[in-house]
């Protein structure tokens, strides 16, 4: 359903995970070269799964509980990504010489915030449906 606010939030998560992650660099290496998500297969796979989960969640709008679970799994996946980025940035070789992180490292944080907002909207819809069922 395109008119629900959680669909907008999930579309933004898809844009962040599927498009912006390929555009913005994660960090600069010792040589000053930008390091993108495409340079590491694991990061590409994790961002791809995150984008796929958001699309699956959009199309499971009739099953709000399932949609809620997909979003929670996506939040956990983005926390894993964020943890990997922090670990990698702390272990960069030559950290004393150059310490320039890219905006791409913070993309999972934006996804987590949007997914939490989507879950809040899904819960609100679920409560509305339950209250309407009580009236009947």
Protein backbone atom coordinates (compact mmCIF):
# COMPACT_ATOMS: atom_id res chain seq x y z
CA UNK A 1 0.00 0.00 0.00
CA UNK A 2 1.66 3.16 -1.18
CA UNK A 3 -0.45 5.52 0.92
CA UNK A 4 0.89 4.27 4.25
CA UNK A 5 3.78 6.11 5.87
CA UNK A 6 5.73 2.92 6.60
CA UNK A 7 5.91 2.29 2.85
CA UNK A 8 7.69 5.62 2.46
CA UNK A 9 10.09 4.74 5.27
CA UNK A 10 10.81 1.34 3.74
CA UNK A 11 11.33 2.88 0.30
CA UNK A 12 13.89 5.24 1.84
CA UNK A 13 15.63 2.25 3.44
CA UNK A 14 15.74 0.61 0.00
CA UNK A 15 17.26 3.76 -1.48
CA UNK A 16 19.86 3.95 1.29
CA UNK A 17 20.81 0.26 1.17
CA UNK A 18 20.46 -0.33 -2.54
CA UNK A 19 21.56 2.93 -4.16
CA UNK A 20 23.39 5.26 -1.78
CA UNK A 21 25.60 2.49 -0.45
CA UNK A 22 27.07 2.10 -3.93
CA UNK A 23 27.61 5.85 -4.42
CA UNK A 24 29.16 7.03 -1.15
CA UNK A 25 32.59 5.75 -0.07
CA UNK A 26 33.01 4.00 3.26
CA UNK A 27 36.47 5.38 4.04
CA UNK A 28 39.79 6.31 2.47
CA UNK A 29 42.65 3.88 2.65
CA UNK A 30 46.29 4.71 3.35
CA UNK A 31 46.92 5.69 -0.27
CA UNK A 32 44.01 8.14 -0.22
CA UNK A 33 41.82 5.97 -2.47
CA UNK A 34 38.10 5.76 -1.71
CA UNK A 35 36.91 2.36 -0.48
CA UNK A 36 33.41 1.55 -1.69
CA UNK A 37 30.96 -1.20 -0.72
CA UNK A 38 31.60 -2.94 -4.04
CA UNK A 39 35.20 -3.64 -3.06
CA UNK A 40 34.08 -6.14 -0.42
CA UNK A 41 31.70 -8.97 -1.31
CA UNK A 42 30.42 -9.37 2.25
CA UNK A 43 29.43 -5.70 2.53
CA UNK A 44 27.74 -5.84 -0.88
CA UNK A 45 25.84 -8.96 0.12
CA UNK A 46 24.72 -7.50 3.46
CA UNK A 47 23.52 -4.26 1.87
CA UNK A 48 21.74 -6.29 -0.84
CA UNK A 49 19.96 -8.42 1.75
CA UNK A 50 18.94 -5.26 3.62
CA UNK A 51 17.50 -3.75 0.43
CA UNK A 52 15.71 -7.02 -0.40
CA UNK A 53 14.21 -7.26 3.10
CA UNK A 54 12.81 -3.75 2.81
CA UNK A 55 11.19 -4.57 -0.55
CA UNK A 56 9.76 -7.84 0.82
CA UNK A 57 8.44 -5.92 3.80
CA UNK A 58 6.69 -3.39 1.56
CA UNK A 59 4.89 -6.15 -0.33
CA UNK A 60 3.80 -7.98 2.81
CA UNK A 61 1.52 -5.11 3.86
CA UNK A 62 -1.46 -7.42 4.47
CA UNK A 63 0.47 -9.31 7.17
CA UNK A 64 1.49 -6.58 9.57
CA UNK A 65 3.11 -8.94 12.09
CA UNK A 66 5.27 -10.49 9.38
CA UNK A 67 6.18 -7.03 8.14
CA UNK A 68 7.17 -6.10 11.69
CA UNK A 69 9.42 -9.20 11.94
CA UNK A 70 11.09 -8.46 8.57
CA UNK A 71 11.86 -4.95 9.77
CA UNK A 72 13.35 -6.25 13.02
CA UNK A 73 15.56 -8.65 11.08
CA UNK A 74 16.62 -5.73 8.89
CA UNK A 75 17.46 -3.67 11.98
CA UNK A 76 19.63 -6.50 13.32
CA UNK A 77 21.34 -6.81 9.93
CA UNK A 78 22.08 -3.07 9.87
CA UNK A 79 23.50 -3.23 13.41
CA UNK A 80 25.81 -6.01 12.20
CA UNK A 81 26.86 -3.82 9.25
CA UNK A 82 27.48 -0.88 11.55
CA UNK A 83 29.55 -3.07 13.87
CA UNK A 84 31.61 -4.37 10.97
CA UNK A 85 32.27 -0.83 9.77
CA UNK A 86 33.34 0.34 13.21
CA UNK A 87 35.60 -2.69 13.64
CA UNK A 88 37.13 -2.18 10.21
CA UNK A 89 37.69 1.54 10.74
CA UNK A 90 39.43 0.93 14.06
CA UNK A 91 41.72 -1.63 12.45
CA UNK A 92 42.66 0.34 9.33
CA UNK A 93 46.35 0.13 8.67
CA UNK A 94 48.06 3.47 8.86
CA UNK A 95 45.42 4.87 11.18
CA UNK A 96 47.94 7.26 12.68
CA UNK A 97 48.65 8.82 9.28
CA UNK A 98 45.18 9.16 7.86
CA UNK A 99 41.84 8.96 9.61
CA UNK A 100 39.18 9.92 7.12
CA UNK A 101 35.90 8.07 7.28
CA UNK A 102 33.31 8.38 4.54
CA UNK A 103 29.61 9.05 4.87
CA UNK A 104 28.93 5.50 3.69
CA UNK A 105 29.83 4.19 7.15
CA UNK A 106 26.79 5.94 8.62
CA UNK A 107 24.24 4.67 6.09
CA UNK A 108 23.21 1.71 8.29
CA UNK A 109 22.46 4.17 11.09
CA UNK A 110 20.00 6.02 8.84
CA UNK A 111 18.43 2.71 7.87
CA UNK A 112 18.02 1.72 11.52
CA UNK A 113 16.24 4.99 12.33
CA UNK A 114 13.89 4.66 9.33
CA UNK A 115 13.14 1.02 10.14
CA UNK A 116 12.31 1.93 13.74
CA UNK A 117 9.92 4.62 12.47
CA UNK A 118 8.33 2.10 10.09
CA UNK A 119 7.85 -0.37 12.94
CA UNK A 120 6.24 2.34 15.02
CA UNK A 121 3.80 3.09 12.19
CA UNK A 122 3.05 -0.62 11.70
CA UNK A 123 2.31 -0.98 15.41
CA UNK A 124 0.01 2.02 15.21
CA UNK A 125 -1.87 0.42 12.30
CA UNK A 126 -2.14 -2.87 14.17
CA UNK A 127 -3.54 -1.11 17.24
CA UNK A 128 -6.07 0.71 15.04
CA UNK A 129 -7.26 -2.56 13.49
CA UNK A 130 -7.54 -4.22 16.91
CA UNK A 131 -9.58 -1.30 18.28
CA UNK A 132 -11.91 -1.43 15.27
CA UNK A 133 -12.42 -5.16 15.83
CA UNK A 134 -13.35 -4.54 19.45
CA UNK A 135 -16.14 -2.15 18.45
CA UNK A 136 -17.86 -4.74 16.26
